[in-house]
Amino acid sequence: MPDADDRPDTLPKLLRSANPKYRLAAGIYLVYGVVYMTGAAHLGLTGASSRASQADSWIWYSVGAVILLTFPLLINRGFKWFCRALVLFLGYRLYGLATIMAGPTAGELVSLPVIGEVSKLAGAILFAIIATVAAGALARAAWDL
C-alpha cells in the first residue's frame, strides 16, 4: 500500500492547501459562515431582526452565500493578508456582539435554530465563542503561530 506522500493528489488545485493550518482555518470559517447565515435567515424569518426581514434582504443573503462559498477557498489557498483582514473583521464583529451583551436588550428572548428561545445575551455569547474560535484559527494560520 503506498504512503500518503506517494498517492497522486486527487483534489482540484483550487482546494489544495500546502499548509494544514490554512486548511483547518478554512474549515472552521466555513462552520462560522454556516452558523452565521443560518442564524441571520432564522432571525429574518421570525422578524427578530429588522434588517434581515426587509424586502431587499435577498441581496444580503445572496452576498452572504457568495462569501460562504468563496472565503473558505481563499483561506485554504493560504492568502496570508486575506486571513489577516478577516481576523480584523471578526474582531469588529466581536465588538458588535459585546455591545449586544452589554446593551439594554440583552435580557430579551430571541428564538435560535436548533436551540430554541434564549436571551440575546446567551445567543451573543454563543456566537462570540464561535467567532473567537474562527478568529483564532485564522490568526494561527496568517501569522504562523
N, C-alpha and C. Protein backbone atom coordinates (compact mmCIF):
# COMPACT_ATOMS: atom_id res chain seq x y z
N MET A 1 0.86 -1.18 0.00
CA MET A 1 0.00 0.00 0.00
C MET A 1 0.90 1.24 0.00
N PRO A 2 0.66 2.19 -0.90
CA PRO A 2 1.51 3.38 -0.98
C PRO A 2 1.29 4.31 0.21
N ASP A 3 2.34 5.03 0.57
CA ASP A 3 2.23 6.04 1.62
C ASP A 3 1.37 7.18 1.12
N ALA A 4 0.95 8.01 2.07
CA ALA A 4 0.13 9.17 1.72
C ALA A 4 0.89 10.10 0.78
N ASP A 5 2.22 10.16 0.94
CA ASP A 5 3.02 11.05 0.09
C ASP A 5 3.15 10.52 -1.33
N ASP A 6 2.97 9.20 -1.52
CA ASP A 6 3.13 8.59 -2.84
C ASP A 6 1.87 8.65 -3.69
N ARG A 7 0.73 8.88 -3.06
CA ARG A 7 -0.53 8.89 -3.80
C ARG A 7 -0.68 10.19 -4.58
N PRO A 8 -1.27 10.10 -5.77
CA PRO A 8 -1.50 11.34 -6.53
C PRO A 8 -2.54 12.20 -5.83
N ASP A 9 -2.39 13.50 -5.94
CA ASP A 9 -3.33 14.44 -5.33
C ASP A 9 -4.58 14.49 -6.20
N THR A 10 -5.68 14.02 -5.67
CA THR A 10 -6.92 13.97 -6.44
C THR A 10 -7.78 15.20 -6.26
N LEU A 11 -7.40 16.08 -5.34
CA LEU A 11 -8.17 17.30 -5.14
C LEU A 11 -7.90 18.29 -6.27
N PRO A 12 -8.93 19.03 -6.68
CA PRO A 12 -8.68 20.09 -7.65
C PRO A 12 -7.70 21.11 -7.08
N LYS A 13 -6.97 21.78 -7.94
CA LYS A 13 -5.95 22.72 -7.49
C LYS A 13 -6.52 23.79 -6.56
N LEU A 14 -7.74 24.23 -6.82
CA LEU A 14 -8.37 25.27 -6.00
C LEU A 14 -8.54 24.83 -4.55
N LEU A 15 -8.73 23.53 -4.33
CA LEU A 15 -8.99 23.03 -2.98
C LEU A 15 -7.73 22.58 -2.25
N ARG A 16 -6.61 22.54 -2.93
CA ARG A 16 -5.36 22.09 -2.29
C ARG A 16 -4.79 23.17 -1.39
N SER A 17 -4.19 22.74 -0.30
CA SER A 17 -3.50 23.66 0.59
C SER A 17 -2.22 22.99 1.06
N ALA A 18 -1.12 23.71 0.93
CA ALA A 18 0.16 23.16 1.36
C ALA A 18 0.28 23.19 2.88
N ASN A 19 -0.47 24.05 3.55
CA ASN A 19 -0.33 24.24 4.97
C ASN A 19 -1.60 23.77 5.69
N PRO A 20 -1.49 22.79 6.60
CA PRO A 20 -2.68 22.31 7.30
C PRO A 20 -3.34 23.38 8.18
N LYS A 21 -2.58 24.40 8.58
CA LYS A 21 -3.18 25.48 9.39
C LYS A 21 -4.23 26.23 8.58
N TYR A 22 -3.95 26.46 7.30
CA TYR A 22 -4.92 27.15 6.45
C TYR A 22 -6.12 26.25 6.17
N ARG A 23 -5.87 24.96 6.00
CA ARG A 23 -6.97 24.03 5.75
C ARG A 23 -7.91 24.00 6.96
N LEU A 24 -7.33 23.96 8.17
CA LEU A 24 -8.14 23.97 9.38
C LEU A 24 -8.90 25.29 9.51
N ALA A 25 -8.22 26.41 9.27
CA ALA A 25 -8.87 27.72 9.35
C ALA A 25 -10.02 27.83 8.36
N ALA A 26 -9.83 27.28 7.16
CA ALA A 26 -10.90 27.31 6.15
C ALA A 26 -12.11 26.51 6.61
N GLY A 27 -11.88 25.35 7.19
CA GLY A 27 -13.00 24.53 7.68
C GLY A 27 -13.74 25.21 8.82
N ILE A 28 -13.00 25.79 9.73
CA ILE A 28 -13.63 26.48 10.87
C ILE A 28 -14.39 27.71 10.38
N TYR A 29 -13.82 28.45 9.42
CA TYR A 29 -14.52 29.61 8.90
C TYR A 29 -15.79 29.19 8.15
N LEU A 30 -15.76 28.05 7.49
CA LEU A 30 -16.96 27.54 6.82
C LEU A 30 -18.06 27.26 7.84
N VAL A 31 -17.70 26.64 8.96
CA VAL A 31 -18.68 26.39 10.02
C VAL A 31 -19.22 27.72 10.56
N TYR A 32 -18.32 28.67 10.81
CA TYR A 32 -18.73 30.00 11.26
C TYR A 32 -19.74 30.61 10.27
N GLY A 33 -19.43 30.52 8.98
CA GLY A 33 -20.31 31.09 7.96
C GLY A 33 -21.68 30.43 7.92
N VAL A 34 -21.70 29.11 8.05
CA VAL A 34 -22.97 28.39 8.04
C VAL A 34 -23.81 28.79 9.25
N VAL A 35 -23.18 28.88 10.42
CA VAL A 35 -23.90 29.29 11.64
C VAL A 35 -24.42 30.72 11.47
N TYR A 36 -23.57 31.60 10.94
CA TYR A 36 -23.95 33.00 10.75
C TYR A 36 -25.14 33.11 9.78
N MET A 37 -25.06 32.43 8.63
CA MET A 37 -26.13 32.51 7.64
C MET A 37 -27.43 31.87 8.16
N THR A 38 -27.31 30.75 8.85
CA THR A 38 -28.49 30.09 9.41
C THR A 38 -29.16 31.00 10.44
N GLY A 39 -28.35 31.59 11.30
CA GLY A 39 -28.90 32.50 12.31
C GLY A 39 -29.54 33.72 11.69
N ALA A 40 -28.88 34.32 10.70
CA ALA A 40 -29.43 35.51 10.04
C ALA A 40 -30.75 35.18 9.35
N ALA A 41 -30.80 34.06 8.66
CA ALA A 41 -32.04 33.67 7.97
C ALA A 41 -33.15 33.40 8.98
N HIS A 42 -32.83 32.71 10.05
CA HIS A 42 -33.84 32.41 11.07
C HIS A 42 -34.35 33.69 11.73
N LEU A 43 -33.45 34.58 12.09
CA LEU A 43 -33.87 35.84 12.71
C LEU A 43 -34.71 36.67 11.75
N GLY A 44 -34.36 36.62 10.45
CA GLY A 44 -35.15 37.34 9.46
C GLY A 44 -36.54 36.74 9.30
N LEU A 45 -36.64 35.42 9.26
CA LEU A 45 -37.93 34.76 9.10
C LEU A 45 -38.84 34.94 10.30
N THR A 46 -38.26 35.02 11.49
CA THR A 46 -39.07 35.20 12.69
C THR A 46 -39.35 36.67 12.99
N GLY A 47 -38.73 37.58 12.23
CA GLY A 47 -38.95 39.00 12.44
C GLY A 47 -38.14 39.59 13.58
N ALA A 48 -37.20 38.83 14.13
CA ALA A 48 -36.40 39.31 15.25
C ALA A 48 -35.36 40.34 14.82
N SER A 49 -35.05 40.38 13.54
CA SER A 49 -34.08 41.35 13.02
C SER A 49 -34.75 42.13 11.91
N SER A 50 -34.83 43.44 12.08
CA SER A 50 -35.50 44.25 11.07
C SER A 50 -34.71 44.27 9.76
N ARG A 51 -33.37 44.29 9.85
CA ARG A 51 -32.56 44.30 8.63
C ARG A 51 -32.73 43.01 7.84
N ALA A 52 -32.77 41.87 8.54
CA ALA A 52 -32.82 40.58 7.87
C ALA A 52 -34.19 40.26 7.30
N SER A 53 -35.21 41.04 7.67
CA SER A 53 -36.55 40.74 7.17
C SER A 53 -37.09 41.81 6.22
N GLN A 54 -36.23 42.73 5.78
CA GLN A 54 -36.67 43.75 4.83
C GLN A 54 -36.84 43.14 3.45
N ALA A 55 -37.57 43.86 2.58
CA ALA A 55 -37.88 43.35 1.25
C ALA A 55 -36.63 43.11 0.41
N ASP A 56 -35.60 43.94 0.58
CA ASP A 56 -34.39 43.78 -0.23
C ASP A 56 -33.34 42.91 0.45
N SER A 57 -33.72 42.18 1.48
CA SER A 57 -32.75 41.36 2.21
C SER A 57 -32.20 40.22 1.36
N TRP A 58 -32.88 39.85 0.29
CA TRP A 58 -32.37 38.79 -0.58
C TRP A 58 -31.01 39.14 -1.15
N ILE A 59 -30.74 40.45 -1.31
CA ILE A 59 -29.43 40.88 -1.81
C ILE A 59 -28.36 40.49 -0.80
N TRP A 60 -28.62 40.75 0.49
CA TRP A 60 -27.64 40.43 1.53
C TRP A 60 -27.47 38.94 1.70
N TYR A 61 -28.56 38.19 1.57
CA TYR A 61 -28.43 36.73 1.66
C TYR A 61 -27.62 36.19 0.47
N SER A 62 -27.79 36.79 -0.70
CA SER A 62 -27.00 36.38 -1.87
C SER A 62 -25.52 36.69 -1.68
N VAL A 63 -25.22 37.88 -1.18
CA VAL A 63 -23.83 38.25 -0.89
C VAL A 63 -23.26 37.29 0.16
N GLY A 64 -24.04 36.99 1.18
CA GLY A 64 -23.60 36.06 2.21
C GLY A 64 -23.32 34.68 1.66
N ALA A 65 -24.14 34.22 0.72
CA ALA A 65 -23.91 32.90 0.12
C ALA A 65 -22.62 32.89 -0.69
N VAL A 66 -22.35 33.97 -1.41
CA VAL A 66 -21.10 34.06 -2.18
C VAL A 66 -19.90 34.05 -1.22
N ILE A 67 -20.00 34.81 -0.14
CA ILE A 67 -18.94 34.83 0.86
C ILE A 67 -18.75 33.43 1.46
N LEU A 68 -19.85 32.78 1.79
CA LEU A 68 -19.80 31.46 2.39
C LEU A 68 -19.10 30.45 1.48
N LEU A 69 -19.27 30.60 0.19
CA LEU A 69 -18.67 29.66 -0.75
C LEU A 69 -17.24 30.03 -1.15
N THR A 70 -16.90 31.32 -1.17
CA THR A 70 -15.58 31.71 -1.67
C THR A 70 -14.54 31.95 -0.58
N PHE A 71 -14.92 32.51 0.55
CA PHE A 71 -13.93 32.82 1.58
C PHE A 71 -13.16 31.58 2.06
N PRO A 72 -13.84 30.46 2.36
CA PRO A 72 -13.06 29.28 2.78
C PRO A 72 -12.07 28.82 1.71
N LEU A 73 -12.41 28.97 0.44
CA LEU A 73 -11.48 28.60 -0.63
C LEU A 73 -10.26 29.51 -0.63
N LEU A 74 -10.48 30.80 -0.44
CA LEU A 74 -9.37 31.75 -0.40
C LEU A 74 -8.49 31.52 0.83
N ILE A 75 -9.12 31.20 1.94
CA ILE A 75 -8.35 30.90 3.16
C ILE A 75 -7.51 29.64 2.92
N ASN A 76 -8.13 28.62 2.37
CA ASN A 76 -7.45 27.35 2.12
C ASN A 76 -6.24 27.51 1.21
N ARG A 77 -6.30 28.46 0.29
CA ARG A 77 -5.19 28.68 -0.64
C ARG A 77 -4.02 29.40 0.03
N GLY A 78 -4.20 29.86 1.26
CA GLY A 78 -3.10 30.42 2.02
C GLY A 78 -2.82 31.89 1.77
N PHE A 79 -3.85 32.66 1.45
CA PHE A 79 -3.67 34.09 1.25
C PHE A 79 -3.54 34.77 2.62
N LYS A 80 -2.31 34.99 3.02
CA LYS A 80 -1.98 35.48 4.37
C LYS A 80 -2.69 36.80 4.69
N TRP A 81 -2.62 37.77 3.80
CA TRP A 81 -3.20 39.08 4.09
C TRP A 81 -4.73 39.04 4.10
N PHE A 82 -5.30 38.16 3.32
CA PHE A 82 -6.75 37.99 3.34
C PHE A 82 -7.17 37.45 4.71
N CYS A 83 -6.42 36.47 5.20
CA CYS A 83 -6.72 35.90 6.52
C CYS A 83 -6.55 36.94 7.63
N ARG A 84 -5.52 37.76 7.49
CA ARG A 84 -5.30 38.81 8.49
C ARG A 84 -6.45 39.82 8.49
N ALA A 85 -6.93 40.16 7.30
CA ALA A 85 -8.07 41.08 7.20
C ALA A 85 -9.32 40.47 7.83
N LEU A 86 -9.51 39.16 7.65
CA LEU A 86 -10.67 38.50 8.26
C LEU A 86 -10.56 38.48 9.78
N VAL A 87 -9.35 38.36 10.31
CA VAL A 87 -9.16 38.42 11.76
C VAL A 87 -9.63 39.79 12.27
N LEU A 88 -9.27 40.85 11.57
CA LEU A 88 -9.71 42.19 11.96
C LEU A 88 -11.23 42.32 11.85
N PHE A 89 -11.80 41.78 10.78
CA PHE A 89 -13.25 41.81 10.61
C PHE A 89 -13.94 41.08 11.77
N LEU A 90 -13.41 39.91 12.12
CA LEU A 90 -14.02 39.16 13.22
C LEU A 90 -13.86 39.90 14.55
N GLY A 91 -12.76 40.64 14.70
CA GLY A 91 -12.60 41.47 15.89
C GLY A 91 -13.68 42.53 15.96
N TYR A 92 -13.99 43.14 14.83
CA TYR A 92 -15.07 44.12 14.77
C TYR A 92 -16.41 43.46 15.07
N ARG A 93 -16.60 42.24 14.56
CA ARG A 93 -17.83 41.51 14.81
C ARG A 93 -17.97 41.20 16.30
N LEU A 94 -16.86 40.84 16.93
CA LEU A 94 -16.88 40.56 18.37
C LEU A 94 -17.21 41.82 19.17
N TYR A 95 -16.73 42.97 18.71
CA TYR A 95 -17.09 44.23 19.36
C TYR A 95 -18.61 44.44 19.29
N GLY A 96 -19.19 44.19 18.11
CA GLY A 96 -20.64 44.31 17.96
C GLY A 96 -21.40 43.36 18.87
N LEU A 97 -20.89 42.16 19.01
CA LEU A 97 -21.53 41.20 19.92
C LEU A 97 -21.41 41.65 21.37
N ALA A 98 -20.29 42.26 21.71
CA ALA A 98 -20.10 42.77 23.08
C ALA A 98 -21.11 43.88 23.38
N THR A 99 -21.42 44.71 22.39
CA THR A 99 -22.42 45.76 22.62
C THR A 99 -23.81 45.17 22.83
N ILE A 100 -24.09 44.05 22.18
CA ILE A 100 -25.36 43.36 22.41
C ILE A 100 -25.39 42.79 23.82
N MET A 101 -24.27 42.17 24.23
CA MET A 101 -24.20 41.57 25.56
C MET A 101 -24.38 42.61 26.67
N ALA A 102 -23.83 43.80 26.46
CA ALA A 102 -23.88 44.83 27.49
C ALA A 102 -25.05 45.79 27.30
N GLY A 103 -25.81 45.64 26.23
CA GLY A 103 -26.88 46.57 25.91
C GLY A 103 -28.14 46.36 26.72
N PRO A 104 -29.07 47.30 26.59
CA PRO A 104 -30.30 47.25 27.38
C PRO A 104 -31.26 46.12 26.96
N THR A 105 -31.06 45.55 25.76
CA THR A 105 -31.96 44.49 25.29
C THR A 105 -31.38 43.10 25.53
N ALA A 106 -30.30 42.99 26.29
CA ALA A 106 -29.63 41.69 26.50
C ALA A 106 -30.55 40.65 27.13
N GLY A 107 -31.51 41.07 27.90
CA GLY A 107 -32.40 40.14 28.57
C GLY A 107 -33.58 39.67 27.73
N GLU A 108 -33.81 40.31 26.59
CA GLU A 108 -34.92 39.92 25.73
C GLU A 108 -34.71 38.52 25.16
N LEU A 109 -35.81 37.82 24.95
CA LEU A 109 -35.72 36.48 24.38
C LEU A 109 -35.71 36.54 22.86
N VAL A 110 -34.94 35.64 22.28
CA VAL A 110 -34.87 35.51 20.84
C VAL A 110 -34.84 34.02 20.51
N SER A 111 -35.47 33.64 19.41
CA SER A 111 -35.52 32.24 19.01
C SER A 111 -34.33 31.92 18.11
N LEU A 112 -33.61 30.86 18.45
CA LEU A 112 -32.47 30.42 17.64
C LEU A 112 -32.77 29.05 17.06
N PRO A 113 -32.25 28.77 15.85
CA PRO A 113 -32.46 27.44 15.29
C PRO A 113 -31.81 26.36 16.16
N VAL A 114 -32.44 25.23 16.25
CA VAL A 114 -31.98 24.06 17.00
C VAL A 114 -32.08 24.27 18.51
N ILE A 115 -31.65 25.42 19.02
CA ILE A 115 -31.60 25.67 20.46
C ILE A 115 -32.96 26.06 21.02
N GLY A 116 -33.70 26.90 20.30
CA GLY A 116 -34.97 27.40 20.79
C GLY A 116 -34.82 28.81 21.33
N GLU A 117 -35.66 29.18 22.29
CA GLU A 117 -35.62 30.53 22.83
C GLU A 117 -34.54 30.69 23.89
N VAL A 118 -33.74 31.72 23.70
CA VAL A 118 -32.69 32.07 24.66
C VAL A 118 -32.66 33.59 24.75
N SER A 119 -31.98 34.10 25.76
CA SER A 119 -31.83 35.56 25.85
C SER A 119 -30.85 36.02 24.79
N LYS A 120 -30.95 37.29 24.42
CA LYS A 120 -29.99 37.84 23.47
C LYS A 120 -28.57 37.73 24.01
N LEU A 121 -28.44 37.86 25.33
CA LEU A 121 -27.13 37.72 25.96
C LEU A 121 -26.55 36.34 25.70
N ALA A 122 -27.34 35.29 25.92
CA ALA A 122 -26.85 33.93 25.72
C ALA A 122 -26.54 33.67 24.24
N GLY A 123 -27.39 34.16 23.35
CA GLY A 123 -27.14 34.00 21.92
C GLY A 123 -25.87 34.71 21.48
N ALA A 124 -25.67 35.93 22.00
CA ALA A 124 -24.47 36.68 21.65
C ALA A 124 -23.22 36.00 22.19
N ILE A 125 -23.30 35.45 23.39
CA ILE A 125 -22.15 34.73 23.96
C ILE A 125 -21.83 33.51 23.12
N LEU A 126 -22.84 32.75 22.75
CA LEU A 126 -22.63 31.55 21.92
C LEU A 126 -21.97 31.92 20.60
N PHE A 127 -22.50 32.94 19.95
CA PHE A 127 -21.93 33.34 18.66
C PHE A 127 -20.53 33.93 18.84
N ALA A 128 -20.28 34.62 19.94
CA ALA A 128 -18.95 35.17 20.20
C ALA A 128 -17.93 34.05 20.37
N ILE A 129 -18.33 32.95 20.98
CA ILE A 129 -17.42 31.81 21.13
C ILE A 129 -17.05 31.26 19.76
N ILE A 130 -18.05 31.09 18.88
CA ILE A 130 -17.79 30.57 17.54
C ILE A 130 -16.90 31.54 16.75
N ALA A 131 -17.18 32.85 16.85
CA ALA A 131 -16.38 33.85 16.14
C ALA A 131 -14.95 33.91 16.68
N THR A 132 -14.79 33.73 17.99
CA THR A 132 -13.45 33.74 18.59
C THR A 132 -12.63 32.54 18.12
N VAL A 133 -13.26 31.38 18.04
CA VAL A 133 -12.56 30.19 17.54
C VAL A 133 -12.14 30.41 16.09
N ALA A 134 -13.03 30.98 15.27
CA ALA A 134 -12.70 31.25 13.86
C ALA A 134 -11.56 32.25 13.76
N ALA A 135 -11.61 33.31 14.56
CA ALA A 135 -10.54 34.32 14.54
C ALA A 135 -9.22 33.72 14.99
N GLY A 136 -9.26 32.86 15.99
CA GLY A 136 -8.05 32.21 16.47
C GLY A 136 -7.42 31.31 15.42
N ALA A 137 -8.26 30.54 14.72
CA ALA A 137 -7.73 29.66 13.67
C ALA A 137 -7.15 30.47 12.52
N LEU A 138 -7.82 31.57 12.16
CA LEU A 138 -7.30 32.43 11.09
C LEU A 138 -5.98 33.10 11.51
N ALA A 139 -5.91 33.57 12.75
CA ALA A 139 -4.69 34.21 13.23
C ALA A 139 -3.54 33.20 13.28
N ARG A 140 -3.83 31.99 13.71
CA ARG A 140 -2.81 30.94 13.77
C ARG A 140 -2.23 30.67 12.39
N ALA A 141 -3.09 30.67 11.38
CA ALA A 141 -2.61 30.42 10.01
C ALA A 141 -1.91 31.66 9.45
N ALA A 142 -2.51 32.82 9.60
CA ALA A 142 -1.99 34.05 8.96
C ALA A 142 -0.66 34.49 9.55
N TRP A 143 -0.47 34.30 10.85
CA TRP A 143 0.79 34.74 11.47
C TRP A 143 1.68 33.54 11.83
N ASP A 144 1.30 32.35 11.35
CA ASP A 144 2.08 31.13 11.56
C ASP A 144 2.41 30.91 13.03
N LEU A 145 1.36 30.95 13.85
CA LEU A 145 1.53 30.77 15.31
C LEU A 145 1.54 29.31 15.69
